[in-house]
């Protein structure tokens, strides 16, 4: 069987900052691939460099060494084939624009014709369950609904890969569960590739097909774990499975090892 070509390929990525006392190695050496259509979660100890890694992957920050390629092209600036969803949903939405106009904004900037733009916007908003809120403003919505708008905007853009940086950290537990199921549904319905960065161990296991566990800074991939849970998941049944408990315990143990400095790089 022919080997698949990865959509996103990261090779020996390193990032060093110049601190007051000298160079600070934030990302040690990271190598991994994401295949088309995968949902991959990245989890690691607090302060391990997840956000720095994400900025390098998305072309917002140049790596000190190594490479990032998306669909065979090296990433040196924010790629058109990638959409980002951030934690600070309130900052990413324009309060003077309606939900419809917020979602349409990147499509308008890209020059998508109006009729096509409207169809993409309405489909994306329906996909995230906000069809009733097309003409409302972000400030009229709850935090969870605002984050749905941010997800709809990314989906409407029709990216090849959707990158999410701890997008549910600022919402309550019930809303977080709803949004986790939303991501799984969008991923399944639209076939988009998702790279999901989180600090929540249970969330990484519930969402992902794979979980990349990072070490403490300077960061490397400690383990690339396949999540062998059923494709059909729900918050009650899946989280009650013995296998879910086994997987989340394994990830938790690995993160604790990373905090203690006991981790070693995964063998490619």
C-alpha atoms as a PDB file:
ATOM      1  CA  UNK A   1       0.000   0.000   0.000  1.00  0.00           C
ATOM      2  CA  UNK A   2       1.385   3.421  -0.994  1.00  0.00           C
ATOM      3  CA  UNK A   3       2.296   5.703   1.894  1.00  0.00           C
ATOM      4  CA  UNK A   4      -0.026   8.680   2.263  1.00  0.00           C
ATOM      5  CA  UNK A   5       1.334  12.167   1.787  1.00  0.00           C
ATOM      6  CA  UNK A   6       0.757  14.232   4.931  1.00  0.00           C
ATOM      7  CA  UNK A   7      -1.190  17.470   4.681  1.00  0.00           C
ATOM      8  CA  UNK A   8       0.884  19.110   7.425  1.00  0.00           C
ATOM      9  CA  UNK A   9       4.479  18.066   8.000  1.00  0.00           C
ATOM     10  CA  UNK A  10       6.684  19.382  10.809  1.00  0.00           C
ATOM     11  CA  UNK A  11      10.366  18.474  10.764  1.00  0.00           C
ATOM     12  CA  UNK A  12      12.908  19.181  13.517  1.00  0.00           C
ATOM     13  CA  UNK A  13      11.148  22.438  14.412  1.00  0.00           C
ATOM     14  CA  UNK A  14      13.019  24.548  16.960  1.00  0.00           C
ATOM     15  CA  UNK A  15      12.379  27.985  18.418  1.00  0.00           C
ATOM     16  CA  UNK A  16      14.814  29.978  20.536  1.00  0.00           C
ATOM     17  CA  UNK A  17      14.121  33.421  21.979  1.00  0.00           C
ATOM     18  CA  UNK A  18      16.714  35.961  23.014  1.00  0.00           C
ATOM     19  CA  UNK A  19      16.086  36.610  26.693  1.00  0.00           C
ATOM     20  CA  UNK A  20      17.674  39.139  29.055  1.00  0.00           C
ATOM     21  CA  UNK A  21      20.068  36.477  30.368  1.00  0.00           C
ATOM     22  CA  UNK A  22      20.746  34.921  26.971  1.00  0.00           C
ATOM     23  CA  UNK A  23      19.027  32.518  24.542  1.00  0.00           C
ATOM     24  CA  UNK A  24      15.896  30.725  25.804  1.00  0.00           C
ATOM     25  CA  UNK A  25      15.046  27.465  24.033  1.00  0.00           C
ATOM     26  CA  UNK A  26      11.243  27.304  23.980  1.00  0.00           C
ATOM     27  CA  UNK A  27      10.790  24.489  21.451  1.00  0.00           C
ATOM     28  CA  UNK A  28      13.548  21.896  21.474  1.00  0.00           C
ATOM     29  CA  UNK A  29      12.897  19.745  18.397  1.00  0.00           C
ATOM     30  CA  UNK A  30       9.469  18.713  17.174  1.00  0.00           C
ATOM     31  CA  UNK A  31       8.645  16.335  14.330  1.00  0.00           C
ATOM     32  CA  UNK A  32       5.180  15.042  13.397  1.00  0.00           C
ATOM     33  CA  UNK A  33       2.720  14.718  10.504  1.00  0.00           C
ATOM     34  CA  UNK A  34      -1.003  15.308  10.166  1.00  0.00           C
ATOM     35  CA  UNK A  35      -2.771  13.347   7.430  1.00  0.00           C
ATOM     36  CA  UNK A  36      -5.678  14.766   5.385  1.00  0.00           C
ATOM     37  CA  UNK A  37      -8.953  14.402   7.267  1.00  0.00           C
ATOM     38  CA  UNK A  38      -7.401  13.671  10.674  1.00  0.00           C
ATOM     39  CA  UNK A  39      -8.401  15.230  13.982  1.00  0.00           C
ATOM     40  CA  UNK A  40      -5.213  15.492  16.019  1.00  0.00           C
ATOM     41  CA  UNK A  41      -4.967  16.960  19.513  1.00  0.00           C
ATOM     42  CA  UNK A  42      -1.841  18.435  21.091  1.00  0.00           C
ATOM     43  CA  UNK A  43      -1.568  18.454  24.877  1.00  0.00           C
ATOM     44  CA  UNK A  44       1.277  19.197  27.261  1.00  0.00           C
ATOM     45  CA  UNK A  45       2.213  20.744  30.614  1.00  0.00           C
ATOM     46  CA  UNK A  46       1.399  24.385  31.238  1.00  0.00           C
ATOM     47  CA  UNK A  47       4.101  26.607  29.788  1.00  0.00           C
ATOM     48  CA  UNK A  48       5.557  23.878  27.566  1.00  0.00           C
ATOM     49  CA  UNK A  49       5.399  26.018  24.426  1.00  0.00           C
ATOM     50  CA  UNK A  50       2.115  24.938  22.802  1.00  0.00           C
ATOM     51  CA  UNK A  51       1.262  28.466  21.689  1.00  0.00           C
ATOM     52  CA  UNK A  52       4.799  29.107  20.415  1.00  0.00           C
ATOM     53  CA  UNK A  53       4.565  25.894  18.402  1.00  0.00           C
ATOM     54  CA  UNK A  54       1.198  26.930  17.010  1.00  0.00           C
ATOM     55  CA  UNK A  55       2.514  30.345  15.938  1.00  0.00           C
ATOM     56  CA  UNK A  56       5.331  28.626  14.062  1.00  0.00           C
ATOM     57  CA  UNK A  57       2.929  26.174  12.401  1.00  0.00           C
ATOM     58  CA  UNK A  58       0.650  28.997  11.253  1.00  0.00           C
ATOM     59  CA  UNK A  59       3.410  31.209   9.891  1.00  0.00           C
ATOM     60  CA  UNK A  60       2.966  33.886  12.551  1.00  0.00           C
ATOM     61  CA  UNK A  61       6.431  33.243  14.002  1.00  0.00           C
ATOM     62  CA  UNK A  62       9.523  32.084  12.107  1.00  0.00           C
ATOM     63  CA  UNK A  63      11.175  28.974  13.554  1.00  0.00           C
ATOM     64  CA  UNK A  64      14.827  29.117  14.543  1.00  0.00           C
ATOM     65  CA  UNK A  65      15.433  25.828  12.735  1.00  0.00           C
ATOM     66  CA  UNK A  66      13.469  23.093  11.023  1.00  0.00           C
ATOM     67  CA  UNK A  67      10.525  23.365   8.669  1.00  0.00           C
ATOM     68  CA  UNK A  68       6.750  23.357   8.401  1.00  0.00           C
ATOM     69  CA  UNK A  69       5.103  22.360   5.127  1.00  0.00           C
ATOM     70  CA  UNK A  70       1.408  22.492   4.290  1.00  0.00           C
ATOM     71  CA  UNK A  71       0.244  20.537   1.257  1.00  0.00           C
ATOM     72  CA  UNK A  72       3.855  20.334   0.084  1.00  0.00           C
ATOM     73  CA  UNK A  73       4.608  24.080   0.348  1.00  0.00           C
ATOM     74  CA  UNK A  74       6.848  25.479   3.070  1.00  0.00           C
ATOM     75  CA  UNK A  75       5.024  27.749   5.536  1.00  0.00           C
ATOM     76  CA  UNK A  76       6.786  31.118   5.768  1.00  0.00           C
ATOM     77  CA  UNK A  77       3.681  33.294   6.309  1.00  0.00           C
ATOM     78  CA  UNK A  78       0.056  32.628   7.297  1.00  0.00           C
ATOM     79  CA  UNK A  79      -1.109  30.150   4.622  1.00  0.00           C
ATOM     80  CA  UNK A  80      -4.354  30.660   2.735  1.00  0.00           C
ATOM     81  CA  UNK A  81      -5.231  26.989   3.212  1.00  0.00           C
ATOM     82  CA  UNK A  82      -5.306  27.305   7.024  1.00  0.00           C
ATOM     83  CA  UNK A  83      -7.883  28.877   9.343  1.00  0.00           C
ATOM     84  CA  UNK A  84      -7.295  29.639  13.025  1.00  0.00           C
ATOM     85  CA  UNK A  85      -9.684  29.706  15.975  1.00  0.00           C
ATOM     86  CA  UNK A  86      -8.285  31.325  19.108  1.00  0.00           C
ATOM     87  CA  UNK A  87      -9.195  31.216  22.779  1.00  0.00           C
ATOM     88  CA  UNK A  88     -10.052  34.930  22.908  1.00  0.00           C
ATOM     89  CA  UNK A  89     -13.256  34.767  20.867  1.00  0.00           C
ATOM     90  CA  UNK A  90     -14.336  38.208  22.129  1.00  0.00           C
ATOM     91  CA  UNK A  91     -11.279  39.804  20.546  1.00  0.00           C
ATOM     92  CA  UNK A  92     -11.635  37.973  17.253  1.00  0.00           C
ATOM     93  CA  UNK A  93     -15.176  39.193  16.495  1.00  0.00           C
ATOM     94  CA  UNK A  94     -16.114  42.728  15.435  1.00  0.00           C
ATOM     95  CA  UNK A  95     -18.882  43.954  17.774  1.00  0.00           C
ATOM     96  CA  UNK A  96     -20.298  46.379  15.191  1.00  0.00           C
ATOM     97  CA  UNK A  97     -20.835  43.619  12.616  1.00  0.00           C
ATOM     98  CA  UNK A  98     -23.675  41.103  12.686  1.00  0.00           C
ATOM     99  CA  UNK A  99     -23.026  37.375  12.952  1.00  0.00           C
ATOM    100  CA  UNK A 100     -23.559  37.084   9.195  1.00  0.00           C
ATOM    101  CA  UNK A 101     -21.076  39.870   8.425  1.00  0.00           C
ATOM    102  CA  UNK A 102     -18.465  38.597  10.889  1.00  0.00           C
ATOM    103  CA  UNK A 103     -18.522  35.178   9.250  1.00  0.00           C
ATOM    104  CA  UNK A 104     -18.450  36.693   5.750  1.00  0.00           C
ATOM    105  CA  UNK A 105     -15.504  39.008   6.408  1.00  0.00           C
ATOM    106  CA  UNK A 106     -12.590  36.735   5.346  1.00  0.00           C
ATOM    107  CA  UNK A 107     -14.532  35.578   2.291  1.00  0.00           C
ATOM    108  CA  UNK A 108     -15.165  39.175   1.296  1.00  0.00           C
ATOM    109  CA  UNK A 109     -11.467  39.969   1.741  1.00  0.00           C
ATOM    110  CA  UNK A 110     -10.621  36.987  -0.479  1.00  0.00           C
ATOM    111  CA  UNK A 111     -12.920  38.304  -3.216  1.00  0.00           C
ATOM    112  CA  UNK A 112     -15.482  35.495  -3.140  1.00  0.00           C
ATOM    113  CA  UNK A 113     -18.526  36.534  -5.242  1.00  0.00           C
ATOM    114  CA  UNK A 114     -21.505  37.700  -3.183  1.00  0.00           C
ATOM    115  CA  UNK A 115     -23.896  34.879  -4.048  1.00  0.00           C
ATOM    116  CA  UNK A 116     -21.303  32.208  -3.271  1.00  0.00           C
ATOM    117  CA  UNK A 117     -20.248  34.083  -0.146  1.00  0.00           C
ATOM    118  CA  UNK A 118     -23.788  34.205   1.215  1.00  0.00           C
ATOM    119  CA  UNK A 119     -24.293  30.485   0.585  1.00  0.00           C
ATOM    120  CA  UNK A 120     -21.041  29.571   2.362  1.00  0.00           C
ATOM    121  CA  UNK A 121     -21.850  31.844   5.301  1.00  0.00           C
ATOM    122  CA  UNK A 122     -25.359  30.507   5.795  1.00  0.00           C
ATOM    123  CA  UNK A 123     -24.203  26.894   5.561  1.00  0.00           C
ATOM    124  CA  UNK A 124     -21.440  27.467   8.118  1.00  0.00           C
ATOM    125  CA  UNK A 125     -23.751  29.262  10.533  1.00  0.00           C
ATOM    126  CA  UNK A 126     -26.328  26.483  10.244  1.00  0.00           C
ATOM    127  CA  UNK A 127     -23.563  23.920  10.852  1.00  0.00           C
ATOM    128  CA  UNK A 128     -22.746  25.507  14.231  1.00  0.00           C
ATOM    129  CA  UNK A 129     -26.420  25.812  15.204  1.00  0.00           C
ATOM    130  CA  UNK A 130     -26.813  29.580  14.920  1.00  0.00           C
ATOM    131  CA  UNK A 131     -29.175  29.845  11.970  1.00  0.00           C
ATOM    132  CA  UNK A 132     -31.556  31.855  14.141  1.00  0.00           C
ATOM    133  CA  UNK A 133     -28.889  34.455  14.969  1.00  0.00           C
ATOM    134  CA  UNK A 134     -27.727  35.619  11.536  1.00  0.00           C
ATOM    135  CA  UNK A 135     -28.610  39.266  12.140  1.00  0.00           C
ATOM    136  CA  UNK A 136     -27.656  39.556  15.797  1.00  0.00           C
ATOM    137  CA  UNK A 137     -24.439  41.144  17.074  1.00  0.00           C
ATOM    138  CA  UNK A 138     -21.711  39.360  19.061  1.00  0.00           C
ATOM    139  CA  UNK A 139     -22.399  41.396  22.187  1.00  0.00           C
ATOM    140  CA  UNK A 140     -25.946  40.019  22.181  1.00  0.00           C
ATOM    141  CA  UNK A 141     -24.673  36.433  22.417  1.00  0.00           C
ATOM    142  CA  UNK A 142     -23.262  34.290  25.225  1.00  0.00           C
ATOM    143  CA  UNK A 143     -19.592  33.377  25.276  1.00  0.00           C
ATOM    144  CA  UNK A 144     -20.279  29.913  23.900  1.00  0.00           C
ATOM    145  CA  UNK A 145     -22.373  31.320  21.064  1.00  0.00           C
ATOM    146  CA  UNK A 146     -19.635  33.829  20.231  1.00  0.00           C
ATOM    147  CA  UNK A 147     -17.142  30.990  19.958  1.00  0.00           C
ATOM    148  CA  UNK A 148     -19.570  29.211  17.620  1.00  0.00           C
ATOM    149  CA  UNK A 149     -19.479  32.321  15.419  1.00  0.00           C
ATOM    150  CA  UNK A 150     -15.673  32.180  15.383  1.00  0.00           C
ATOM    151  CA  UNK A 151     -15.821  28.505  14.383  1.00  0.00           C
ATOM    152  CA  UNK A 152     -18.399  29.264  11.673  1.00  0.00           C
ATOM    153  CA  UNK A 153     -16.148  31.967  10.243  1.00  0.00           C
ATOM    154  CA  UNK A 154     -13.256  29.504  10.030  1.00  0.00           C
ATOM    155  CA  UNK A 155     -15.478  26.814   8.485  1.00  0.00           C
ATOM    156  CA  UNK A 156     -16.954  29.197   5.891  1.00  0.00           C
ATOM    157  CA  UNK A 157     -13.439  30.026   4.750  1.00  0.00           C
ATOM    158  CA  UNK A 158     -13.179  26.389   3.570  1.00  0.00           C
ATOM    159  CA  UNK A 159      -9.656  25.728   4.837  1.00  0.00           C
ATOM    160  CA  UNK A 160      -7.768  22.525   4.216  1.00  0.00           C
ATOM    161  CA  UNK A 161      -6.780  22.529   7.880  1.00  0.00           C
ATOM    162  CA  UNK A 162      -8.483  24.119  10.879  1.00  0.00           C
ATOM    163  CA  UNK A 163      -6.117  24.968  13.734  1.00  0.00           C
ATOM    164  CA  UNK A 164      -7.676  25.620  17.144  1.00  0.00           C
ATOM    165  CA  UNK A 165      -5.697  27.096  20.052  1.00  0.00           C
ATOM    166  CA  UNK A 166      -7.369  26.151  23.366  1.00  0.00           C
ATOM    167  CA  UNK A 167     -10.651  27.524  21.994  1.00  0.00           C
ATOM    168  CA  UNK A 168     -12.852  26.398  24.910  1.00  0.00           C
ATOM    169  CA  UNK A 169     -10.675  27.439  27.853  1.00  0.00           C
ATOM    170  CA  UNK A 170     -12.786  30.509  28.626  1.00  0.00           C
ATOM    171  CA  UNK A 171     -16.242  28.882  28.671  1.00  0.00           C
ATOM    172  CA  UNK A 172     -18.089  26.948  31.375  1.00  0.00           C
ATOM    173  CA  UNK A 173     -18.045  23.156  31.576  1.00  0.00           C
ATOM    174  CA  UNK A 174     -21.479  22.577  30.042  1.00  0.00           C
ATOM    175  CA  UNK A 175     -20.782  24.910  27.115  1.00  0.00           C
ATOM    176  CA  UNK A 176     -17.386  23.288  26.669  1.00  0.00           C
ATOM    177  CA  UNK A 177     -18.992  19.855  26.298  1.00  0.00           C
ATOM    178  CA  UNK A 178     -21.418  21.205  23.700  1.00  0.00           C
ATOM    179  CA  UNK A 179     -18.581  22.827  21.745  1.00  0.00           C
ATOM    180  CA  UNK A 180     -16.499  19.646  21.840  1.00  0.00           C
ATOM    181  CA  UNK A 181     -19.389  17.772  20.218  1.00  0.00           C
ATOM    182  CA  UNK A 182     -19.723  20.621  17.712  1.00  0.00           C
ATOM    183  CA  UNK A 183     -16.092  20.242  16.642  1.00  0.00           C
ATOM    184  CA  UNK A 184     -16.521  16.490  16.199  1.00  0.00           C
ATOM    185  CA  UNK A 185     -19.665  17.078  14.092  1.00  0.00           C
ATOM    186  CA  UNK A 186     -18.077  19.772  11.906  1.00  0.00           C
ATOM    187  CA  UNK A 187     -15.012  17.588  11.396  1.00  0.00           C
ATOM    188  CA  UNK A 188     -17.162  14.601  10.406  1.00  0.00           C
ATOM    189  CA  UNK A 189     -19.696  16.488   8.262  1.00  0.00           C
ATOM    190  CA  UNK A 190     -17.256  18.669   6.320  1.00  0.00           C
ATOM    191  CA  UNK A 191     -14.224  16.398   6.194  1.00  0.00           C
ATOM    192  CA  UNK A 192     -11.880  19.171   7.293  1.00  0.00           C
ATOM    193  CA  UNK A 193      -8.514  18.364   8.902  1.00  0.00           C
ATOM    194  CA  UNK A 194      -8.320  19.629  12.500  1.00  0.00           C
ATOM    195  CA  UNK A 195      -5.306  20.324  14.709  1.00  0.00           C
ATOM    196  CA  UNK A 196      -6.613  21.056  18.205  1.00  0.00           C
ATOM    197  CA  UNK A 197      -4.331  22.441  20.920  1.00  0.00           C
ATOM    198  CA  UNK A 198      -5.568  22.053  24.494  1.00  0.00           C
ATOM    199  CA  UNK A 199      -4.358  21.865  28.077  1.00  0.00           C
ATOM    200  CA  UNK A 200      -7.287  19.614  29.029  1.00  0.00           C
ATOM    201  CA  UNK A 201      -6.359  15.906  29.076  1.00  0.00           C
ATOM    202  CA  UNK A 202      -9.917  14.572  28.995  1.00  0.00           C
ATOM    203  CA  UNK A 203     -10.768  16.885  26.106  1.00  0.00           C
ATOM    204  CA  UNK A 204      -7.804  15.671  24.064  1.00  0.00           C
ATOM    205  CA  UNK A 205      -8.842  12.025  24.487  1.00  0.00           C
ATOM    206  CA  UNK A 206     -12.523  12.707  23.808  1.00  0.00           C
ATOM    207  CA  UNK A 207     -11.897  14.714  20.653  1.00  0.00           C
ATOM    208  CA  UNK A 208      -8.879  13.240  18.956  1.00  0.00           C
ATOM    209  CA  UNK A 209      -8.033  10.370  16.688  1.00  0.00           C
ATOM    210  CA  UNK A 210      -4.474  10.929  17.922  1.00  0.00           C
ATOM    211  CA  UNK A 211      -2.994  12.799  20.856  1.00  0.00           C
ATOM    212  CA  UNK A 212       0.464  14.306  20.599  1.00  0.00           C
ATOM    213  CA  UNK A 213       1.893  14.658  24.112  1.00  0.00           C
ATOM    214  CA  UNK A 214       4.544  17.328  24.517  1.00  0.00           C
ATOM    215  CA  UNK A 215       7.333  17.445  27.059  1.00  0.00           C
ATOM    216  CA  UNK A 216       8.156  20.378  29.286  1.00  0.00           C
ATOM    217  CA  UNK A 217      10.084  23.205  27.655  1.00  0.00           C
ATOM    218  CA  UNK A 218      12.291  22.942  25.599  1.00  0.00           C
ATOM    219  CA  UNK A 219       9.543  20.975  23.942  1.00  0.00           C
ATOM    220  CA  UNK A 220       9.607  17.745  21.962  1.00  0.00           C
ATOM    221  CA  UNK A 221       6.954  15.135  21.134  1.00  0.00           C
ATOM    222  CA  UNK A 222       6.995  12.753  24.071  1.00  0.00           C
ATOM    223  CA  UNK A 223       4.437  10.349  22.610  1.00  0.00           C
ATOM    224  CA  UNK A 224       2.112  10.096  19.620  1.00  0.00           C
ATOM    225  CA  UNK A 225      -0.868   8.136  20.943  1.00  0.00           C
ATOM    226  CA  UNK A 226      -3.591   6.621  18.764  1.00  0.00           C
ATOM    227  CA  UNK A 227      -7.056   6.988  20.323  1.00  0.00           C
ATOM    228  CA  UNK A 228      -8.912   3.746  19.646  1.00  0.00           C
ATOM    229  CA  UNK A 229     -12.343   4.873  20.802  1.00  0.00           C
ATOM    230  CA  UNK A 230     -15.414   4.458  18.572  1.00  0.00           C
ATOM    231  CA  UNK A 231     -15.916   7.151  15.927  1.00  0.00           C
ATOM    232  CA  UNK A 232     -19.404   7.842  17.283  1.00  0.00           C
ATOM    233  CA  UNK A 233     -18.858   9.560  20.629  1.00  0.00           C
ATOM    234  CA  UNK A 234     -21.048  11.303  23.164  1.00  0.00           C
ATOM    235  CA  UNK A 235     -20.315  12.940  26.477  1.00  0.00           C
ATOM    236  CA  UNK A 236     -22.037  10.304  28.632  1.00  0.00           C
ATOM    237  CA  UNK A 237     -21.347   6.970  26.939  1.00  0.00           C
ATOM    238  CA  UNK A 238     -17.807   7.649  25.726  1.00  0.00           C
ATOM    239  CA  UNK A 239     -16.527   9.136  28.970  1.00  0.00           C
ATOM    240  CA  UNK A 240     -17.985   6.185  30.916  1.00  0.00           C
ATOM    241  CA  UNK A 241     -16.031   3.636  28.855  1.00  0.00           C
ATOM    242  CA  UNK A 242     -13.208   1.777  30.630  1.00  0.00           C
ATOM    243  CA  UNK A 243     -11.029   2.404  27.583  1.00  0.00           C
ATOM    244  CA  UNK A 244     -11.577   6.165  27.885  1.00  0.00           C
ATOM    245  CA  UNK A 245     -10.398   5.980  31.492  1.00  0.00           C
ATOM    246  CA  UNK A 246      -7.347   3.954  30.477  1.00  0.00           C
ATOM    247  CA  UNK A 247      -6.388   6.427  27.763  1.00  0.00           C
ATOM    248  CA  UNK A 248      -6.875   9.565  29.836  1.00  0.00           C
ATOM    249  CA  UNK A 249      -4.925   7.958  32.704  1.00  0.00           C
ATOM    250  CA  UNK A 250      -2.072   7.150  30.333  1.00  0.00           C
ATOM    251  CA  UNK A 251      -1.990  10.731  29.009  1.00  0.00           C
ATOM    252  CA  UNK A 252      -2.158  12.115  32.547  1.00  0.00           C
ATOM    253  CA  UNK A 253       0.754   9.921  33.637  1.00  0.00           C
ATOM    254  CA  UNK A 254       2.816  11.058  30.664  1.00  0.00           C
ATOM    255  CA  UNK A 255       2.119  14.732  31.426  1.00  0.00           C
ATOM    256  CA  UNK A 256       3.162  14.190  35.042  1.00  0.00           C
ATOM    257  CA  UNK A 257       6.376  12.541  33.837  1.00  0.00           C
ATOM    258  CA  UNK A 258       6.991  15.542  31.625  1.00  0.00           C
ATOM    259  CA  UNK A 259       6.541  17.894  34.574  1.00  0.00           C
ATOM    260  CA  UNK A 260       9.119  15.866  36.528  1.00  0.00           C
ATOM    261  CA  UNK A 261      11.546  15.969  33.607  1.00  0.00           C
ATOM    262  CA  UNK A 262      11.423  12.192  33.113  1.00  0.00           C
ATOM    263  CA  UNK A 263      10.188  12.194  29.538  1.00  0.00           C
ATOM    264  CA  UNK A 264      12.175  11.164  26.471  1.00  0.00           C
ATOM    265  CA  UNK A 265      11.433  11.905  22.802  1.00  0.00           C
ATOM    266  CA  UNK A 266       9.155   9.476  20.990  1.00  0.00           C
ATOM    267  CA  UNK A 267      10.874   7.258  18.417  1.00  0.00           C
ATOM    268  CA  UNK A 268       9.855   8.415  14.896  1.00  0.00           C
END
